[in-house]
């Protein structure tokens, strides 16, 4: 456990950031899973409607430094390719 005042504050900040970051990660992972599920069941139109939601979640994760820019771009590209493929 932290002893100094600054270390205690750093721990509090770290916990808050962890909660925020995990929320962002969960949001984009759930969105991606939802699209993948729709694509696998053959519901292309519904998957296309969810693409903006996935893009938004990935962009927010990138903006808050949860995901790196290129990683988000790669994920967006692969999802778009998957939706357009079948």
N, C-alpha and C. Protein backbone atom coordinates (compact mmCIF):
# COMPACT_ATOMS: atom_id res chain seq x y z
N UNK A 1 0.83 -1.19 0.00
CA UNK A 1 0.00 0.00 0.00
C UNK A 1 0.88 1.25 0.00
N UNK A 2 0.37 2.31 -0.64
CA UNK A 2 1.14 3.54 -0.69
C UNK A 2 1.26 4.18 0.70
N UNK A 3 2.37 4.84 0.90
CA UNK A 3 2.61 5.46 2.20
C UNK A 3 2.53 6.98 2.10
N UNK A 4 3.22 7.54 1.11
CA UNK A 4 3.23 9.01 1.00
C UNK A 4 1.91 9.52 0.43
N UNK A 5 1.67 10.79 0.67
CA UNK A 5 0.43 11.43 0.24
C UNK A 5 0.29 11.39 -1.28
N UNK A 6 1.39 11.64 -1.98
CA UNK A 6 1.34 11.66 -3.44
C UNK A 6 1.11 10.26 -4.01
N UNK A 7 1.65 9.25 -3.35
CA UNK A 7 1.44 7.87 -3.81
C UNK A 7 -0.02 7.45 -3.60
N UNK A 8 -0.63 7.92 -2.51
CA UNK A 8 -2.04 7.62 -2.27
C UNK A 8 -2.91 8.25 -3.35
N UNK A 9 -2.58 9.49 -3.69
CA UNK A 9 -3.33 10.19 -4.72
C UNK A 9 -3.16 9.49 -6.07
N UNK A 10 -1.94 9.07 -6.36
CA UNK A 10 -1.66 8.37 -7.62
C UNK A 10 -2.47 7.08 -7.71
N UNK A 11 -2.60 6.40 -6.59
CA UNK A 11 -3.39 5.17 -6.56
C UNK A 11 -4.87 5.45 -6.84
N UNK A 12 -5.39 6.51 -6.24
CA UNK A 12 -6.79 6.89 -6.48
C UNK A 12 -7.01 7.21 -7.96
N UNK A 13 -6.08 7.97 -8.53
CA UNK A 13 -6.20 8.34 -9.94
C UNK A 13 -6.13 7.10 -10.83
N UNK A 14 -5.24 6.21 -10.48
CA UNK A 14 -5.05 4.98 -11.25
C UNK A 14 -6.33 4.14 -11.24
N UNK A 15 -6.98 4.06 -10.10
CA UNK A 15 -8.22 3.29 -10.00
C UNK A 15 -9.32 3.91 -10.87
N UNK A 16 -9.42 5.25 -10.83
CA UNK A 16 -10.43 5.92 -11.65
C UNK A 16 -10.16 5.68 -13.14
N UNK A 17 -8.90 5.80 -13.54
CA UNK A 17 -8.54 5.59 -14.94
C UNK A 17 -8.80 4.15 -15.37
N UNK A 18 -8.54 3.21 -14.47
CA UNK A 18 -8.77 1.81 -14.78
C UNK A 18 -10.25 1.55 -15.07
N UNK A 19 -11.11 2.14 -14.27
CA UNK A 19 -12.56 1.98 -14.47
C UNK A 19 -12.97 2.56 -15.81
N UNK A 20 -12.49 3.77 -16.10
CA UNK A 20 -12.83 4.44 -17.35
C UNK A 20 -12.32 3.66 -18.56
N UNK A 21 -11.08 3.20 -18.47
CA UNK A 21 -10.48 2.47 -19.58
C UNK A 21 -11.18 1.14 -19.83
N UNK A 22 -11.50 0.43 -18.75
CA UNK A 22 -12.15 -0.87 -18.92
C UNK A 22 -13.55 -0.70 -19.52
N UNK A 23 -14.20 0.42 -19.21
CA UNK A 23 -15.51 0.72 -19.78
C UNK A 23 -15.40 0.91 -21.30
N UNK A 24 -14.38 1.63 -21.73
CA UNK A 24 -14.15 1.86 -23.16
C UNK A 24 -13.84 0.55 -23.88
N UNK A 25 -12.98 -0.27 -23.27
CA UNK A 25 -12.60 -1.55 -23.87
C UNK A 25 -13.84 -2.43 -24.01
N UNK A 26 -14.63 -2.50 -22.95
CA UNK A 26 -15.83 -3.33 -22.97
C UNK A 26 -16.79 -2.85 -24.06
N UNK A 27 -16.91 -1.53 -24.21
CA UNK A 27 -17.84 -0.96 -25.20
C UNK A 27 -17.45 -1.38 -26.62
N UNK A 28 -16.17 -1.25 -26.97
CA UNK A 28 -15.81 -1.58 -28.35
C UNK A 28 -15.79 -3.08 -28.58
N UNK A 29 -15.43 -3.86 -27.57
CA UNK A 29 -15.42 -5.31 -27.75
C UNK A 29 -16.84 -5.85 -27.93
N UNK A 30 -17.77 -5.32 -27.16
CA UNK A 30 -19.16 -5.77 -27.28
C UNK A 30 -19.73 -5.40 -28.65
N UNK A 31 -19.40 -4.20 -29.12
CA UNK A 31 -19.89 -3.76 -30.42
C UNK A 31 -19.34 -4.65 -31.53
N UNK A 32 -18.05 -4.98 -31.45
CA UNK A 32 -17.42 -5.83 -32.46
C UNK A 32 -18.04 -7.23 -32.43
N UNK A 33 -18.25 -7.77 -31.23
CA UNK A 33 -18.85 -9.10 -31.10
C UNK A 33 -20.25 -9.13 -31.71
N UNK A 34 -21.00 -8.06 -31.48
CA UNK A 34 -22.36 -7.99 -31.99
C UNK A 34 -22.37 -8.05 -33.52
N UNK A 35 -21.46 -7.29 -34.14
CA UNK A 35 -21.38 -7.28 -35.60
C UNK A 35 -20.94 -8.65 -36.12
N UNK A 36 -19.94 -9.24 -35.47
CA UNK A 36 -19.46 -10.55 -35.90
C UNK A 36 -20.57 -11.60 -35.82
N UNK A 37 -21.37 -11.51 -34.77
CA UNK A 37 -22.47 -12.45 -34.58
C UNK A 37 -23.49 -12.30 -35.71
N UNK A 38 -23.82 -11.05 -36.06
CA UNK A 38 -24.78 -10.81 -37.13
C UNK A 38 -24.25 -11.30 -38.47
N UNK A 39 -22.97 -11.08 -38.72
CA UNK A 39 -22.37 -11.51 -39.98
C UNK A 39 -22.39 -13.04 -40.07
N UNK A 40 -22.07 -13.70 -38.98
CA UNK A 40 -22.03 -15.17 -38.99
C UNK A 40 -23.41 -15.78 -39.20
N UNK A 41 -24.45 -15.08 -38.76
CA UNK A 41 -25.81 -15.59 -38.96
C UNK A 41 -26.39 -15.14 -40.29
N UNK A 42 -25.65 -14.32 -41.04
CA UNK A 42 -26.08 -13.91 -42.37
C UNK A 42 -26.96 -12.68 -42.42
N UNK A 43 -26.98 -11.91 -41.36
CA UNK A 43 -27.80 -10.69 -41.33
C UNK A 43 -26.92 -9.48 -41.67
N UNK A 44 -26.60 -9.37 -42.97
CA UNK A 44 -25.68 -8.32 -43.45
C UNK A 44 -26.24 -6.92 -43.25
N UNK A 45 -27.50 -6.73 -43.55
CA UNK A 45 -28.10 -5.39 -43.46
C UNK A 45 -28.04 -4.86 -42.03
N UNK A 46 -28.34 -5.73 -41.08
CA UNK A 46 -28.31 -5.30 -39.68
C UNK A 46 -26.88 -5.03 -39.23
N UNK A 47 -25.94 -5.82 -39.74
CA UNK A 47 -24.53 -5.62 -39.39
C UNK A 47 -24.04 -4.29 -39.93
N UNK A 48 -24.48 -3.94 -41.15
CA UNK A 48 -24.09 -2.65 -41.74
C UNK A 48 -24.64 -1.48 -40.93
N UNK A 49 -25.82 -1.65 -40.38
CA UNK A 49 -26.42 -0.58 -39.57
C UNK A 49 -25.64 -0.36 -38.27
N UNK A 50 -24.98 -1.42 -37.80
CA UNK A 50 -24.22 -1.32 -36.55
C UNK A 50 -22.78 -0.81 -36.75
N UNK A 51 -22.34 -0.74 -38.00
CA UNK A 51 -20.97 -0.29 -38.25
C UNK A 51 -20.66 1.08 -37.63
N UNK A 52 -21.53 2.07 -37.76
CA UNK A 52 -21.23 3.37 -37.13
C UNK A 52 -21.03 3.26 -35.61
N UNK A 53 -21.80 2.38 -34.98
CA UNK A 53 -21.66 2.18 -33.53
C UNK A 53 -20.27 1.62 -33.20
N UNK A 54 -19.81 0.67 -34.01
CA UNK A 54 -18.49 0.08 -33.81
C UNK A 54 -17.41 1.14 -34.02
N UNK A 55 -17.55 1.90 -35.11
CA UNK A 55 -16.56 2.95 -35.41
C UNK A 55 -16.50 3.96 -34.27
N UNK A 56 -17.66 4.34 -33.76
CA UNK A 56 -17.71 5.33 -32.68
C UNK A 56 -17.00 4.80 -31.44
N UNK A 57 -17.27 3.54 -31.09
CA UNK A 57 -16.65 2.95 -29.91
C UNK A 57 -15.13 2.86 -30.08
N UNK A 58 -14.67 2.47 -31.27
CA UNK A 58 -13.23 2.38 -31.53
C UNK A 58 -12.58 3.76 -31.51
N UNK A 59 -13.26 4.75 -32.09
CA UNK A 59 -12.71 6.11 -32.10
C UNK A 59 -12.59 6.69 -30.69
N UNK A 60 -13.59 6.42 -29.86
CA UNK A 60 -13.54 6.91 -28.48
C UNK A 60 -12.41 6.23 -27.71
N UNK A 61 -12.22 4.94 -27.96
CA UNK A 61 -11.13 4.22 -27.30
C UNK A 61 -9.78 4.78 -27.75
N UNK A 62 -9.69 5.16 -29.01
CA UNK A 62 -8.45 5.73 -29.53
C UNK A 62 -8.21 7.12 -28.95
N UNK A 63 -9.28 7.89 -28.87
CA UNK A 63 -9.16 9.27 -28.37
C UNK A 63 -8.68 9.29 -26.92
N UNK A 64 -9.11 8.32 -26.15
CA UNK A 64 -8.73 8.29 -24.73
C UNK A 64 -7.48 7.42 -24.49
N UNK A 65 -6.78 7.08 -25.58
CA UNK A 65 -5.50 6.35 -25.52
C UNK A 65 -5.64 4.93 -24.97
N UNK A 66 -6.83 4.35 -25.10
CA UNK A 66 -7.02 2.96 -24.69
C UNK A 66 -6.50 2.04 -25.79
N UNK A 67 -6.74 2.45 -27.03
CA UNK A 67 -6.25 1.73 -28.20
C UNK A 67 -5.32 2.65 -28.97
N UNK A 68 -4.34 2.07 -29.64
CA UNK A 68 -3.49 2.88 -30.50
C UNK A 68 -4.22 3.15 -31.80
N UNK A 69 -3.81 4.23 -32.45
CA UNK A 69 -4.49 4.68 -33.66
C UNK A 69 -4.49 3.61 -34.76
N UNK A 70 -3.34 3.01 -35.01
CA UNK A 70 -3.25 2.02 -36.07
C UNK A 70 -4.03 0.75 -35.73
N UNK A 71 -4.06 0.40 -34.46
CA UNK A 71 -4.81 -0.79 -34.04
C UNK A 71 -6.30 -0.57 -34.29
N UNK A 72 -6.79 0.61 -33.98
CA UNK A 72 -8.20 0.93 -34.21
C UNK A 72 -8.50 0.92 -35.71
N UNK A 73 -7.60 1.49 -36.49
CA UNK A 73 -7.79 1.52 -37.95
C UNK A 73 -7.83 0.10 -38.50
N UNK A 74 -6.95 -0.74 -38.01
CA UNK A 74 -6.90 -2.13 -38.46
C UNK A 74 -8.21 -2.86 -38.12
N UNK A 75 -8.70 -2.64 -36.90
CA UNK A 75 -9.94 -3.29 -36.49
C UNK A 75 -11.11 -2.81 -37.34
N UNK A 76 -11.18 -1.49 -37.59
CA UNK A 76 -12.25 -0.94 -38.41
C UNK A 76 -12.22 -1.53 -39.82
N UNK A 77 -11.03 -1.61 -40.36
CA UNK A 77 -10.86 -2.13 -41.71
C UNK A 77 -11.32 -3.58 -41.80
N UNK A 78 -10.92 -4.38 -40.85
CA UNK A 78 -11.27 -5.80 -40.87
C UNK A 78 -12.77 -6.02 -40.67
N UNK A 79 -13.38 -5.20 -39.82
CA UNK A 79 -14.83 -5.31 -39.61
C UNK A 79 -15.57 -4.92 -40.89
N UNK A 80 -15.15 -3.82 -41.50
CA UNK A 80 -15.80 -3.37 -42.73
C UNK A 80 -15.66 -4.41 -43.84
N UNK A 81 -14.50 -5.00 -43.93
CA UNK A 81 -14.23 -6.03 -44.93
C UNK A 81 -15.13 -7.25 -44.68
N UNK A 82 -15.28 -7.62 -43.42
CA UNK A 82 -16.09 -8.76 -43.05
C UNK A 82 -17.57 -8.51 -43.40
N UNK A 83 -18.04 -7.32 -43.13
CA UNK A 83 -19.45 -6.99 -43.38
C UNK A 83 -19.71 -6.94 -44.89
N UNK A 84 -18.78 -6.39 -45.63
CA UNK A 84 -18.97 -6.26 -47.07
C UNK A 84 -18.71 -7.53 -47.84
N UNK A 85 -18.07 -8.48 -47.21
CA UNK A 85 -17.64 -9.70 -47.89
C UNK A 85 -18.79 -10.60 -48.33
N UNK A 86 -19.68 -10.93 -47.40
CA UNK A 86 -20.72 -11.93 -47.70
C UNK A 86 -21.96 -11.34 -48.34
